Every structure is written in C-alpha cells, then in structure tokens.
Protein backbone atom coordinates (compact mmCIF):
# COMPACT_ATOMS: atom_id res chain seq x y z
CA UNK A 1 -50.26 -51.22 3.26
CA UNK A 2 -53.43 -51.68 1.52
CA UNK A 3 -56.00 -49.15 0.75
CA UNK A 4 -59.36 -49.04 -0.98
CA UNK A 5 -59.69 -46.02 -3.36
CA UNK A 6 -62.45 -44.63 -5.24
CA UNK A 7 -60.68 -43.43 -8.55
CA UNK A 8 -62.58 -42.37 -11.67
CA UNK A 9 -65.92 -43.79 -10.53
CA UNK A 10 -64.34 -47.10 -9.90
CA UNK A 11 -63.27 -49.20 -6.83
CA UNK A 12 -59.80 -50.36 -6.44
CA UNK A 13 -57.37 -52.11 -3.99
CA UNK A 14 -54.10 -50.42 -3.86
CA UNK A 15 -51.01 -51.91 -2.15
CA UNK A 16 -48.00 -49.71 -1.37
CA UNK A 17 -44.62 -51.07 -1.87
CA UNK A 18 -42.80 -52.86 -0.47
CA UNK A 19 -45.52 -54.97 0.67
CA UNK A 20 -43.57 -55.80 4.13
CA UNK A 21 -43.86 -52.48 5.08
CA UNK A 22 -45.79 -52.06 8.38
CA UNK A 23 -46.60 -48.15 8.54
CA UNK A 24 -50.30 -48.17 8.62
CA UNK A 25 -50.65 -44.46 8.09
CA UNK A 26 -49.28 -44.54 4.63
CA UNK A 27 -51.50 -45.44 1.60
CA UNK A 28 -50.81 -46.27 -2.00
CA UNK A 29 -52.44 -42.82 -3.55
CA UNK A 30 -53.33 -39.43 -2.54
CA UNK A 31 -55.79 -36.46 -2.97
CA UNK A 32 -53.65 -35.18 -5.89
CA UNK A 33 -54.24 -38.97 -7.74
CA UNK A 34 -57.75 -38.38 -7.21
CA UNK A 35 -58.10 -34.99 -8.30
CA UNK A 36 -56.04 -35.62 -11.42
CA UNK A 37 -58.06 -38.76 -12.39
CA UNK A 38 -61.19 -36.84 -11.70
CA UNK A 39 -60.44 -34.15 -14.06
CA UNK A 40 -59.36 -36.53 -16.72
CA UNK A 41 -62.64 -38.45 -16.37
CA UNK A 42 -64.90 -35.25 -16.73
CA UNK A 43 -62.56 -33.60 -19.53
CA UNK A 44 -60.28 -35.93 -21.41
CA UNK A 45 -61.79 -39.43 -21.01
CA UNK A 46 -61.50 -40.16 -24.81
CA UNK A 47 -57.73 -39.82 -24.79
CA UNK A 48 -56.26 -43.28 -26.09
CA UNK A 49 -52.66 -42.50 -25.69
CA UNK A 50 -51.45 -41.18 -22.21
CA UNK A 51 -48.09 -40.92 -21.19
CA UNK A 52 -47.72 -40.89 -17.28
CA UNK A 53 -44.80 -39.86 -15.44
CA UNK A 54 -44.18 -40.66 -11.91
CA UNK A 55 -47.08 -42.69 -10.94
CA UNK A 56 -45.68 -43.83 -7.38
CA UNK A 57 -47.54 -47.10 -6.66
CA UNK A 58 -49.88 -47.43 -9.79
CA UNK A 59 -52.97 -45.55 -8.70
CA UNK A 60 -53.15 -43.60 -12.01
CA UNK A 61 -52.29 -46.35 -14.50
CA UNK A 62 -54.80 -48.58 -12.69
CA UNK A 63 -57.59 -45.70 -12.69
CA UNK A 64 -56.91 -44.72 -16.43
CA UNK A 65 -57.12 -48.54 -17.59
CA UNK A 66 -60.60 -49.20 -15.68
CA UNK A 67 -62.22 -46.22 -16.78
CA UNK A 68 -61.63 -46.58 -20.53
CA UNK A 69 -64.70 -47.26 -22.65
CA UNK A 70 -62.29 -48.97 -25.22
CA UNK A 71 -58.49 -50.34 -25.34
CA UNK A 72 -56.43 -47.39 -23.99
CA UNK A 73 -52.27 -47.37 -24.14
CA UNK A 74 -50.64 -46.21 -21.14
CA UNK A 75 -46.90 -45.33 -21.11
CA UNK A 76 -45.70 -45.34 -17.39
CA UNK A 77 -42.44 -43.71 -17.23
CA UNK A 78 -40.63 -43.98 -13.68
CA UNK A 79 -37.22 -43.55 -12.34
CA UNK A 80 -38.21 -46.03 -9.29
CA UNK A 81 -37.84 -49.80 -9.62
CA UNK A 82 -40.50 -50.20 -6.61
CA UNK A 83 -42.96 -48.10 -8.60
CA UNK A 84 -42.98 -50.08 -11.56
CA UNK A 85 -43.35 -53.27 -9.33
CA UNK A 86 -46.13 -51.69 -7.49
CA UNK A 87 -47.90 -50.87 -10.78
CA UNK A 88 -47.82 -54.21 -12.12
CA UNK A 89 -48.78 -55.91 -8.76
CA UNK A 90 -51.77 -53.73 -8.42
CA UNK A 91 -52.97 -54.09 -12.08
CA UNK A 92 -53.11 -57.73 -11.58
CA UNK A 93 -54.43 -57.62 -8.12
CA UNK A 94 -57.32 -55.79 -9.51
CA UNK A 95 -57.59 -57.96 -12.39
CA UNK A 96 -56.82 -55.07 -14.84
CA UNK A 97 -55.61 -56.18 -18.25
CA UNK A 98 -51.93 -54.60 -18.75
CA UNK A 99 -51.22 -55.57 -22.47
CA UNK A 100 -51.62 -51.90 -23.18
CA UNK A 101 -49.39 -50.45 -20.85
CA UNK A 102 -45.58 -50.11 -21.45
CA UNK A 103 -43.04 -49.47 -18.92
CA UNK A 104 -40.16 -46.99 -19.41
CA UNK A 105 -37.36 -46.06 -16.99
CA UNK A 106 -36.57 -42.36 -16.43
CA UNK A 107 -33.33 -42.80 -18.93
CA UNK A 108 -35.66 -43.79 -21.98
CA UNK A 109 -36.90 -41.56 -24.55
CA UNK A 110 -40.58 -40.56 -24.56
CA UNK A 111 -43.00 -41.47 -27.11
CA UNK A 112 -44.16 -38.82 -29.71
CA UNK A 113 -47.40 -40.42 -30.39
CA UNK A 114 -49.43 -39.16 -27.39
CA UNK A 115 -52.84 -37.53 -26.83
CA UNK A 116 -52.10 -36.64 -23.15
CA UNK A 117 -49.13 -36.20 -20.56
CA UNK A 118 -50.10 -36.60 -16.82
CA UNK A 119 -47.36 -35.86 -14.39
CA UNK A 120 -47.20 -36.54 -10.51
CA UNK A 121 -44.93 -33.87 -9.45
CA UNK A 122 -42.02 -35.40 -7.81
CA UNK A 123 -40.35 -34.19 -4.65
CA UNK A 124 -37.20 -33.52 -6.90
CA UNK A 125 -37.19 -29.90 -8.50
CA UNK A 126 -34.19 -30.63 -10.73
CA UNK A 127 -35.98 -33.90 -11.79
CA UNK A 128 -39.00 -32.67 -12.70
CA UNK A 129 -36.98 -29.76 -15.04
CA UNK A 130 -35.50 -32.68 -16.61
CA UNK A 131 -38.50 -34.24 -17.58
CA UNK A 132 -40.22 -30.95 -18.79
CA UNK A 133 -37.27 -30.55 -20.69
CA UNK A 134 -37.75 -33.99 -22.55
CA UNK A 135 -41.33 -32.95 -23.09
CA UNK A 136 -40.61 -29.72 -24.69
CA UNK A 137 -39.58 -31.54 -27.91
CA UNK A 138 -42.59 -33.50 -28.18
CA UNK A 139 -45.31 -32.35 -30.85
CA UNK A 140 -46.83 -29.00 -30.27
CA UNK A 141 -50.13 -28.68 -28.41
CA UNK A 142 -50.07 -32.04 -26.54
CA UNK A 143 -51.95 -31.19 -23.32
CA UNK A 144 -49.92 -31.58 -20.02
CA UNK A 145 -51.46 -32.07 -16.59
CA UNK A 146 -49.85 -32.07 -13.52
CA UNK A 147 -50.88 -32.83 -10.07
CA UNK A 148 -49.47 -32.38 -6.69
CA UNK A 149 -50.10 -31.12 -2.91
CA UNK A 150 -50.46 -27.62 -2.53
CA UNK A 151 -47.18 -27.30 -0.60
CA UNK A 152 -45.43 -28.92 -3.13
CA UNK A 153 -46.17 -26.59 -5.78
CA UNK A 154 -44.37 -23.38 -5.63
CA UNK A 155 -43.82 -20.36 -7.70
CA UNK A 156 -40.45 -22.09 -9.00
CA UNK A 157 -42.59 -24.96 -9.99
CA UNK A 158 -44.57 -22.66 -12.26
CA UNK A 159 -41.61 -21.23 -13.56
CA UNK A 160 -40.17 -24.35 -14.63
CA UNK A 161 -43.37 -25.20 -16.40
CA UNK A 162 -43.14 -21.89 -17.92
CA UNK A 163 -39.49 -22.05 -19.00
CA UNK A 164 -39.92 -25.58 -20.75
CA UNK A 165 -43.84 -25.67 -22.01
CA UNK A 166 -46.36 -23.10 -22.75
CA UNK A 167 -47.46 -20.69 -20.25
CA UNK A 168 -48.86 -22.91 -17.31
CA UNK A 169 -52.06 -22.14 -15.37
CA UNK A 170 -53.46 -23.56 -11.65
CA UNK A 171 -56.45 -24.93 -10.70
CA UNK A 172 -58.12 -24.31 -7.39
CA UNK A 173 -57.01 -26.45 -4.16
CA UNK A 174 -59.26 -29.40 -3.75
CA UNK A 175 -58.37 -31.46 -0.69
CA UNK A 176 -55.05 -29.62 -0.31
CA UNK A 177 -54.27 -30.84 -3.85
CA UNK A 178 -53.71 -28.57 -6.91
CA UNK A 179 -53.45 -29.13 -10.89
CA UNK A 180 -51.08 -27.63 -13.24
CA UNK A 181 -52.07 -27.18 -16.81
CA UNK A 182 -49.87 -26.58 -19.76
CA UNK A 183 -48.88 -27.56 -23.54
CA UNK A 184 -45.91 -29.13 -25.09
CA UNK A 185 -44.61 -26.53 -27.98
CA UNK A 186 -42.31 -28.67 -29.99
CA UNK A 187 -39.43 -26.26 -29.13
CA UNK A 188 -36.91 -28.21 -27.39
CA UNK A 189 -35.30 -26.87 -24.61
CA UNK A 190 -31.93 -28.60 -23.33
CA UNK A 191 -31.76 -30.24 -20.03
CA UNK A 192 -28.69 -29.28 -17.76
CA UNK A 193 -28.39 -32.79 -16.65
CA UNK A 194 -26.55 -34.84 -16.15
CA UNK A 195 -24.11 -32.35 -13.99
CA UNK A 196 -20.33 -33.00 -13.26
CA UNK A 197 -18.09 -31.70 -10.48
CA UNK A 198 -14.55 -32.54 -8.99
CA UNK A 199 -14.72 -34.94 -5.96
CA UNK A 200 -13.23 -32.94 -3.46
CA UNK A 201 -9.75 -34.00 -1.84
CA UNK A 202 -9.51 -36.64 -5.04
CA UNK A 203 -8.66 -36.78 -8.59
CA UNK A 204 -12.01 -37.93 -9.45
CA UNK A 205 -14.85 -36.41 -11.21
CA UNK A 206 -18.56 -36.96 -10.27
CA UNK A 207 -21.33 -37.15 -12.80
CA UNK A 208 -24.96 -37.14 -11.54
CA UNK A 209 -28.19 -37.63 -13.42
CA UNK A 210 -31.25 -35.59 -12.45
CA UNK A 211 -32.86 -37.63 -9.91
CA UNK A 212 -29.88 -38.72 -7.71
CA UNK A 213 -29.60 -37.38 -4.34
CA UNK A 214 -27.43 -34.40 -3.66
CA UNK A 215 -26.76 -33.88 -7.53
CA UNK A 216 -24.62 -30.79 -7.60
CA UNK A 217 -22.11 -31.56 -4.89
CA UNK A 218 -21.12 -34.05 -2.40
CA UNK A 219 -23.82 -34.79 0.32
CA UNK A 220 -22.33 -33.95 3.84
CA UNK A 221 -23.29 -37.79 5.05
CA UNK A 222 -21.22 -39.37 2.17
CA UNK A 223 -18.36 -36.94 2.94
CA UNK A 224 -18.11 -38.14 6.41
CA UNK A 225 -18.88 -41.72 5.58
CA UNK A 226 -15.74 -41.56 3.22
CA UNK A 227 -13.31 -41.30 6.39
CA UNK A 228 -14.49 -44.46 7.64
CA UNK A 229 -14.48 -46.90 4.76
CA UNK A 230 -12.44 -50.05 5.02
CA UNK A 231 -9.19 -50.59 3.17
CA UNK A 232 -7.02 -53.54 2.39
CA UNK A 233 -6.19 -56.32 -0.09
CA UNK A 234 -8.64 -59.00 0.72
CA UNK A 235 -10.50 -59.95 -2.06
CA UNK A 236 -13.94 -58.94 -0.25
CA UNK A 237 -17.57 -58.98 -1.92
CA UNK A 238 -18.85 -55.60 -1.08
CA UNK A 239 -22.36 -54.22 -1.63
CA UNK A 240 -22.92 -50.58 -1.84
CA UNK A 241 -26.51 -50.41 -1.07
CA UNK A 242 -28.61 -47.62 -2.07
CA UNK A 243 -25.50 -46.28 -4.07
CA UNK A 244 -26.68 -43.32 -5.52
CA UNK A 245 -24.03 -41.90 -7.61
CA UNK A 246 -21.80 -44.51 -6.47
CA UNK A 247 -19.18 -42.36 -4.68
CA UNK A 248 -18.96 -45.01 -1.61
CA UNK A 249 -18.23 -47.88 -4.13
CA UNK A 250 -15.91 -45.91 -6.19
CA UNK A 251 -13.69 -45.06 -3.03
CA UNK A 252 -13.86 -48.40 -1.89
CA UNK A 253 -12.45 -49.83 -5.10
CA UNK A 254 -9.86 -47.45 -5.12
CA UNK A 255 -8.93 -48.37 -1.37
CA UNK A 256 -9.50 -52.21 -1.87
CA UNK A 257 -7.82 -53.24 -5.13
CA UNK A 258 -8.99 -56.88 -5.08
CA UNK A 259 -12.68 -56.20 -3.91
CA UNK A 260 -15.78 -56.84 -6.06
CA UNK A 261 -18.41 -54.07 -5.71
CA UNK A 262 -21.80 -54.28 -6.42
CA UNK A 263 -23.80 -50.98 -6.79
CA UNK A 264 -27.41 -51.29 -5.91
CA UNK A 265 -30.25 -48.78 -6.08
CA UNK A 266 -33.95 -48.59 -6.87
CA UNK A 267 -33.40 -45.36 -9.15
CA UNK A 268 -32.39 -45.81 -12.61
CA UNK A 269 -30.51 -42.79 -12.73
CA UNK A 270 -28.59 -43.73 -9.77
CA UNK A 271 -27.49 -47.02 -11.23
CA UNK A 272 -26.80 -45.06 -14.41
CA UNK A 273 -24.91 -42.33 -12.43
CA UNK A 274 -22.70 -44.92 -10.62
CA UNK A 275 -21.61 -47.04 -13.72
CA UNK A 276 -20.75 -43.81 -15.84
CA UNK A 277 -18.34 -42.83 -12.48
CA UNK A 278 -16.45 -45.94 -12.45
CA UNK A 279 -16.22 -45.88 -16.01
CA UNK A 280 -14.65 -42.31 -15.96
CA UNK A 281 -12.66 -42.62 -13.01
CA UNK A 282 -11.47 -46.28 -12.29
CA UNK A 283 -12.30 -47.76 -16.02
CA UNK A 284 -9.63 -50.71 -15.16
CA UNK A 285 -12.02 -51.64 -12.20
CA UNK A 286 -15.09 -52.01 -14.26
CA UNK A 287 -14.52 -55.78 -14.28
CA UNK A 288 -14.87 -56.01 -10.81
CA UNK A 289 -17.99 -54.34 -10.60
CA UNK A 290 -21.82 -55.09 -10.84
CA UNK A 291 -24.68 -52.65 -11.19
CA UNK A 292 -28.15 -53.69 -10.22
CA UNK A 293 -31.40 -51.64 -9.95
CA UNK A 294 -33.51 -53.47 -7.02
CA UNK A 295 -35.79 -53.19 -4.30
CA UNK A 296 -32.73 -53.12 -1.68
CA UNK A 297 -31.43 -56.66 -1.60
CA UNK A 298 -34.44 -59.03 -2.82
CA UNK A 299 -33.56 -62.04 -4.49
CA UNK A 300 -29.90 -61.61 -3.51
CA UNK A 301 -28.15 -64.76 -2.67
CA UNK A 302 -27.56 -65.77 1.04
CA UNK A 303 -24.17 -65.69 2.52
CA UNK A 304 -22.54 -64.31 -0.47
CA UNK A 305 -21.23 -60.73 0.68
CA UNK A 306 -18.50 -60.02 3.11
CA UNK A 307 -19.20 -56.17 3.44
CA UNK A 308 -22.59 -54.31 3.03
CA UNK A 309 -21.90 -50.34 2.89
CA UNK A 310 -25.11 -48.31 3.26
CA UNK A 311 -26.46 -44.79 3.79
CA UNK A 312 -29.75 -45.56 4.18
CA UNK A 313 -32.55 -42.90 3.30
CA UNK A 314 -35.53 -41.94 5.69
CA UNK A 315 -38.04 -41.04 3.18
CA UNK A 316 -40.10 -42.55 0.36
CA UNK A 317 -40.97 -40.03 -2.28
CA UNK A 318 -42.62 -37.40 0.14
CA UNK A 319 -43.37 -39.49 3.04
CA UNK A 320 -40.83 -39.58 5.95
CA UNK A 321 -40.36 -43.50 6.95
CA UNK A 322 -37.55 -45.59 8.48
CA UNK A 323 -39.26 -48.69 6.85
CA UNK A 324 -36.55 -48.75 3.89
CA UNK A 325 -33.74 -48.57 6.37
CA UNK A 326 -35.07 -51.25 8.30
CA UNK A 327 -35.73 -53.50 5.05
CA UNK A 328 -32.26 -52.53 4.03
CA UNK A 329 -30.78 -53.88 7.55
CA UNK A 330 -32.64 -57.08 7.69
CA UNK A 331 -31.81 -58.03 4.02
CA UNK A 332 -28.07 -57.24 4.60
CA UNK A 333 -27.91 -59.57 7.62
CA UNK A 334 -29.33 -62.41 5.17
CA UNK A 335 -26.94 -61.59 2.42
CA UNK A 336 -23.72 -61.31 4.62
CA UNK A 337 -21.64 -64.24 5.03
CA UNK A 338 -20.87 -65.65 8.60
CA UNK A 339 -18.17 -63.05 10.11
CA UNK A 340 -19.49 -60.29 7.57
CA UNK A 341 -20.05 -56.68 8.30
CA UNK A 342 -22.95 -54.11 7.91
CA UNK A 343 -21.47 -50.41 8.15
CA UNK A 344 -23.72 -47.81 7.80
CA UNK A 345 -24.01 -43.62 8.22
CA UNK A 346 -27.27 -42.25 9.64
CA UNK A 347 -28.24 -39.00 11.14
CA UNK A 348 -27.50 -39.37 14.93
CA UNK A 349 -31.57 -38.70 16.03
CA UNK A 350 -32.50 -41.73 14.00
CA UNK A 351 -31.52 -44.10 16.38
CA UNK A 352 -29.90 -46.93 14.15
CA UNK A 353 -27.77 -48.20 16.72
CA UNK A 354 -30.72 -49.76 18.64
CA UNK A 355 -32.27 -51.23 15.55
CA UNK A 356 -28.60 -52.73 14.74
CA UNK A 357 -28.20 -54.27 18.29
CA UNK A 358 -31.84 -55.73 18.21
CA UNK A 359 -31.15 -57.30 14.57
CA UNK A 360 -27.31 -58.38 15.02
CA UNK A 361 -26.92 -58.54 18.66
CA UNK A 362 -24.02 -56.18 18.20
CA UNK A 363 -23.24 -52.57 17.21
CA UNK A 364 -20.24 -50.64 17.31
CA UNK A 365 -19.83 -46.67 16.96
CA UNK A 366 -16.78 -46.25 14.82
CA UNK A 367 -17.27 -42.57 13.97
CA UNK A 368 -19.47 -39.66 14.82
CA UNK A 369 -19.85 -35.91 14.68
CA UNK A 370 -22.87 -33.45 15.71
CA UNK A 371 -25.04 -34.61 13.01
CA UNK A 372 -23.85 -38.35 11.79
CA UNK A 373 -22.85 -41.47 13.28
CA UNK A 374 -21.00 -44.54 11.72
CA UNK A 375 -22.07 -47.76 12.87
CA UNK A 376 -20.84 -51.35 12.43
CA UNK A 377 -22.66 -54.57 13.10
CA UNK A 378 -20.97 -58.06 12.54
CA UNK A 379 -22.76 -60.94 11.63
CA UNK A 380 -21.57 -63.83 14.08
CA UNK A 381 -21.79 -67.22 13.68
C-alpha cells in the first residue's frame, strides 16, 4: 500500500510493508505520526541526535531526515524486522540519505548521547513499560515525546510514564491523536522482563521477552494446538512459522527426536525468547535448531521443508488484517516439499479452511473446539 503524506512540510511517498499486501484501506502513516512530526518541527527542529522507538513503516524517520536543516542522526529502534525493512525502503524511495540512520533491534542498548526521544506508542503495554525502563537510565532531562491514538492512551499508560520517567503531561487531541510529554531522570528503574513461568503438564519452563504474545502464560491457542502436533522418528525438516516464544517448536523437538526445527518470527524478542527456551529446556537439541528473524518465509529455499507449523496473527500493529496469514500460507506452499504439510491453528470465525482449500486444493480439520480449529493441507504432486 502506497500513500502520499505531508509530514513536516514535505511531501513523502510512503509504502506500507509487506509490499504485496492488498488492503487498500491501510496506510504507512497515521494522525499520531503527523501530530508528532508537526510538534517537533515547531518546537525541536534543532535536535541533532534523535532516538526513535517503534516507527512502524519509517514515516517518522523519513520526515525527521527531510526536515533537518543540517545533518541529523537518527537511531531507529524497532522489534519488527518488517518495520526496519519498510524504513530502509521508504528512505531510498524518497531519495533520502540514510547514512546518518542507525538501526537497532529491541534487545540492543540505547545510545546515551541523545538530544530528543520520540516514541510511537506500541499496542503491547508491557513492551512500552520495558522501553520506558530502558529510557530511565539515560541522561537526566532528555525530553521524551510519545504519540498515539487517543483510544490507545489510557490512565495506565500515563502511570507507566510516571513510574519510569518524570511526571508526564498530555496534549490536546488532534485528529483523534494525542501526545505525551515527559523527561528522562537518570534514575534507573528495572524492567520486569524477561519473565518466566512453568509450562503446564510438562517439565519445561518458558521465558518471554516483553513484546512476545501472551507473555505471562501459555496462550489458549497454543495450548490447544499442542494436542495436535505430529510425533515420530522421521528426520523431518520442520518450520515453526511465527514462532513467538517457540513453544510449538519446543514440543515438536521433544516429540520428534530426529527433526530439525527452524524458528521464524519477525520479532527480535520472539526469536530471542525461542532460542532461550530451547537452550534452557532442551540444550541437547540446539544443534537441530535454527533461529531466524525474517518477514515470514521470504527468501527461504523452495522445496526445503517437510512440515510447517503455524499459529498466524490476524493483526499488524493496531490494524486487524488477514494479509500476513495469507502471506504465510502462500510462502509455506512454496517452501514445502511435495508431500509436505502445512498445519495451522486459527480462530474458527476466520475461515482459514476456505483459504487453504483454494491454495492447496485440500484442507482437513484435525481438531476443533468452540473457539479454535486445527487444519492440515498437503502439497500434492
């Protein structure tokens, strides 16, 4: 999806990633981006070293670079592989020099030599709290400006800012978006992440970083899916696609002692959690594992996997959409060997069965309850 945006007094052509997604109602920037950029242009346009957190598709980074009257350094921190891809693409597409842009993932230490900190408020409140905890150790009196839709900024959001930073204030709402103003204190407050908890009905313990789905307990979809995972001694090449904390791949390694499992997620924190969980629970199986942060199965070798296991998301950031699930299914078909299987779990109302029937020519229900259905499609020769 391509959108033309006026940000910071400059026209930008911005692309939402993945480029192949067809939902024309989704754009690569929103009113919260616009509000934040306009405020910076008016009040902080001389800031030279800016830390930007959670810039979904690069709108903030692009605007900050074209607004600058001199060379400005941007440190772009994101948990999302796709977001970094989008930012790099949009900078190049708008012919913006990216030589003074540094990309860090969500597990990296923040730089201390910063003039201004900008935050796009993430959907995950725990992830925001973790980021604020990291900011609490930075140099005192560095200004922090966060932006989000009014409906996303709750009293708990302000409490979180107040807990980790100096007393926050808020702006008036503009186009259903709002800003939060605060400052760093140089008084570090520890993050509670990563968290650990025992995996029910097993001897395993799971560790989750802050931005991993269902970080405090096993999510109900994964719990149901665990009842329908393959087992046996065949030397299958398995992909845990959208692996999250890696629980599905972990159980698969335990049930399939000769399998090789590749854990794939676009979240850096998810891939790190998966690796830590295998290291903690099945250290002898590490040599049978690969851990990849990626945009689904983009650039994976065709005809290379026997089995793809997947619990697909139905949202991207705050947007509800099925295009990621469809991308996962299409790419799984490309990666599977003849006779290979895609096995997924999904909410029953999402009608993945119809999608898989159209794509593979077959789809079998192998388990369901009132909320979820487990489906299997085979790649026939």
